[in-house]
């Protein structure tokens, strides 16, 4: 399964924000925090996307220009289904993977 446009737009903004001095003050990271998704989960998804597309992880930085992307999933269940299909190691028992799961 491939990531859709909204997912890639969000992940692109999130990855760019990671380079900021205080990323959790920025929109994509605030969405991540509000939905209680560990950063390791999003990193794993970006790495799985890059492998599946034959690209470098860093290519995600330049996919979209959005500074304030919407949350790409309508529910936690949709997010779990989509992210598990992209990268089975991302989610554990229906909850976002934690750093200790890495």
C-alpha atoms as a PDB file:
ATOM      1  CA  UNK A   1       0.000   0.000   0.000  1.00  0.00           C
ATOM      2  CA  UNK A   2       1.269   3.445  -0.888  1.00  0.00           C
ATOM      3  CA  UNK A   3       0.943   6.599   1.144  1.00  0.00           C
ATOM      4  CA  UNK A   4      -1.684   8.973  -0.228  1.00  0.00           C
ATOM      5  CA  UNK A   5      -1.188  12.666  -0.956  1.00  0.00           C
ATOM      6  CA  UNK A   6      -2.521  13.861   2.410  1.00  0.00           C
ATOM      7  CA  UNK A   7      -0.274  11.438   4.301  1.00  0.00           C
ATOM      8  CA  UNK A   8       2.783  12.487   2.322  1.00  0.00           C
ATOM      9  CA  UNK A   9       1.939  16.169   2.749  1.00  0.00           C
ATOM     10  CA  UNK A  10       1.725  15.731   6.531  1.00  0.00           C
ATOM     11  CA  UNK A  11       4.910  13.627   6.732  1.00  0.00           C
ATOM     12  CA  UNK A  12       6.776  16.111   4.547  1.00  0.00           C
ATOM     13  CA  UNK A  13       5.838  19.018   6.828  1.00  0.00           C
ATOM     14  CA  UNK A  14       6.589  16.968   9.957  1.00  0.00           C
ATOM     15  CA  UNK A  15      10.031  15.980   8.657  1.00  0.00           C
ATOM     16  CA  UNK A  16      10.906  19.592   7.795  1.00  0.00           C
ATOM     17  CA  UNK A  17       9.793  20.685  11.266  1.00  0.00           C
ATOM     18  CA  UNK A  18      12.154  18.134  12.834  1.00  0.00           C
ATOM     19  CA  UNK A  19      15.022  20.404  11.817  1.00  0.00           C
ATOM     20  CA  UNK A  20      13.611  23.350  13.807  1.00  0.00           C
ATOM     21  CA  UNK A  21      14.970  24.372  17.201  1.00  0.00           C
ATOM     22  CA  UNK A  22      11.533  23.793  18.802  1.00  0.00           C
ATOM     23  CA  UNK A  23       9.564  21.504  16.471  1.00  0.00           C
ATOM     24  CA  UNK A  24       6.737  20.879  18.963  1.00  0.00           C
ATOM     25  CA  UNK A  25       5.645  24.493  18.637  1.00  0.00           C
ATOM     26  CA  UNK A  26       4.967  23.894  14.914  1.00  0.00           C
ATOM     27  CA  UNK A  27       1.699  22.656  13.331  1.00  0.00           C
ATOM     28  CA  UNK A  28       2.535  19.095  12.240  1.00  0.00           C
ATOM     29  CA  UNK A  29       4.231  18.332  15.552  1.00  0.00           C
ATOM     30  CA  UNK A  30       1.283  19.767  17.464  1.00  0.00           C
ATOM     31  CA  UNK A  31      -0.983  17.400  15.537  1.00  0.00           C
ATOM     32  CA  UNK A  32       1.370  14.526  16.292  1.00  0.00           C
ATOM     33  CA  UNK A  33       1.313  15.374  20.006  1.00  0.00           C
ATOM     34  CA  UNK A  34      -2.471  15.834  20.066  1.00  0.00           C
ATOM     35  CA  UNK A  35      -2.894  12.338  18.612  1.00  0.00           C
ATOM     36  CA  UNK A  36      -0.203  10.878  20.900  1.00  0.00           C
ATOM     37  CA  UNK A  37       1.893   9.432  18.083  1.00  0.00           C
ATOM     38  CA  UNK A  38       5.572   8.932  18.984  1.00  0.00           C
ATOM     39  CA  UNK A  39       8.045  10.428  16.539  1.00  0.00           C
ATOM     40  CA  UNK A  40       9.608   6.992  16.017  1.00  0.00           C
ATOM     41  CA  UNK A  41       6.348   5.865  14.412  1.00  0.00           C
ATOM     42  CA  UNK A  42       6.482   8.645  11.816  1.00  0.00           C
ATOM     43  CA  UNK A  43      10.188   8.044  11.194  1.00  0.00           C
ATOM     44  CA  UNK A  44       9.501   4.351  10.539  1.00  0.00           C
ATOM     45  CA  UNK A  45       6.743   5.251   8.084  1.00  0.00           C
ATOM     46  CA  UNK A  46       9.006   7.704   6.236  1.00  0.00           C
ATOM     47  CA  UNK A  47      11.752   5.064   6.011  1.00  0.00           C
ATOM     48  CA  UNK A  48       9.272   2.429   4.744  1.00  0.00           C
ATOM     49  CA  UNK A  49       7.950   4.902   2.162  1.00  0.00           C
ATOM     50  CA  UNK A  50      11.473   5.690   0.948  1.00  0.00           C
ATOM     51  CA  UNK A  51      12.376   1.993   0.611  1.00  0.00           C
ATOM     52  CA  UNK A  52       9.153   1.138  -1.211  1.00  0.00           C
ATOM     53  CA  UNK A  53       9.588   4.041  -3.639  1.00  0.00           C
ATOM     54  CA  UNK A  54      13.314   3.515  -4.198  1.00  0.00           C
ATOM     55  CA  UNK A  55      14.044   6.943  -2.739  1.00  0.00           C
ATOM     56  CA  UNK A  56      16.153   8.415   0.031  1.00  0.00           C
ATOM     57  CA  UNK A  57      14.542   9.277   3.370  1.00  0.00           C
ATOM     58  CA  UNK A  58      15.552  12.901   2.825  1.00  0.00           C
ATOM     59  CA  UNK A  59      13.386  13.120  -0.299  1.00  0.00           C
ATOM     60  CA  UNK A  60      10.380  13.549   2.007  1.00  0.00           C
ATOM     61  CA  UNK A  61      11.568  17.106   2.814  1.00  0.00           C
ATOM     62  CA  UNK A  62      10.804  18.328  -0.701  1.00  0.00           C
ATOM     63  CA  UNK A  63       7.568  16.528  -1.539  1.00  0.00           C
ATOM     64  CA  UNK A  64       5.199  19.326  -0.502  1.00  0.00           C
ATOM     65  CA  UNK A  65       5.505  22.927   0.623  1.00  0.00           C
ATOM     66  CA  UNK A  66       2.608  23.009   3.113  1.00  0.00           C
ATOM     67  CA  UNK A  67       3.453  24.674   6.423  1.00  0.00           C
ATOM     68  CA  UNK A  68       0.176  23.741   8.093  1.00  0.00           C
ATOM     69  CA  UNK A  69      -0.970  20.339   6.823  1.00  0.00           C
ATOM     70  CA  UNK A  70      -4.209  18.779   8.026  1.00  0.00           C
ATOM     71  CA  UNK A  71      -4.143  15.549  10.036  1.00  0.00           C
ATOM     72  CA  UNK A  72      -4.443  12.941   7.269  1.00  0.00           C
ATOM     73  CA  UNK A  73      -6.499  10.294   9.101  1.00  0.00           C
ATOM     74  CA  UNK A  74     -10.184  10.510  10.032  1.00  0.00           C
ATOM     75  CA  UNK A  75      -9.803   8.222  13.052  1.00  0.00           C
ATOM     76  CA  UNK A  76      -7.222   6.375  15.117  1.00  0.00           C
ATOM     77  CA  UNK A  77      -8.462   3.151  13.537  1.00  0.00           C
ATOM     78  CA  UNK A  78      -7.901   4.469  10.019  1.00  0.00           C
ATOM     79  CA  UNK A  79      -4.434   5.662  11.014  1.00  0.00           C
ATOM     80  CA  UNK A  80      -3.543   2.269  12.524  1.00  0.00           C
ATOM     81  CA  UNK A  81      -4.806   0.402   9.464  1.00  0.00           C
ATOM     82  CA  UNK A  82      -2.980   2.640   6.998  1.00  0.00           C
ATOM     83  CA  UNK A  83       0.315   2.820   8.865  1.00  0.00           C
ATOM     84  CA  UNK A  84       0.377  -0.898   9.623  1.00  0.00           C
ATOM     85  CA  UNK A  85      -0.186  -1.628   5.926  1.00  0.00           C
ATOM     86  CA  UNK A  86       2.722   0.674   4.998  1.00  0.00           C
ATOM     87  CA  UNK A  87       5.081  -0.499   7.730  1.00  0.00           C
ATOM     88  CA  UNK A  88       3.928  -3.383   9.944  1.00  0.00           C
ATOM     89  CA  UNK A  89       6.599  -2.580  12.558  1.00  0.00           C
ATOM     90  CA  UNK A  90       5.095   0.867  13.157  1.00  0.00           C
ATOM     91  CA  UNK A  91       2.208  -0.166  15.316  1.00  0.00           C
ATOM     92  CA  UNK A  92       1.980  -2.654  18.125  1.00  0.00           C
ATOM     93  CA  UNK A  93      -1.395  -4.118  19.143  1.00  0.00           C
ATOM     94  CA  UNK A  94      -3.362  -1.233  17.654  1.00  0.00           C
ATOM     95  CA  UNK A  95      -1.400   1.469  19.513  1.00  0.00           C
ATOM     96  CA  UNK A  96       1.403   3.597  18.206  1.00  0.00           C
ATOM     97  CA  UNK A  97       4.812   2.060  18.770  1.00  0.00           C
ATOM     98  CA  UNK A  98       6.867   3.585  21.545  1.00  0.00           C
ATOM     99  CA  UNK A  99      10.594   4.202  21.628  1.00  0.00           C
ATOM    100  CA  UNK A 100      11.112   0.976  23.589  1.00  0.00           C
ATOM    101  CA  UNK A 101       9.466  -0.946  20.708  1.00  0.00           C
ATOM    102  CA  UNK A 102      12.127   0.334  18.297  1.00  0.00           C
END
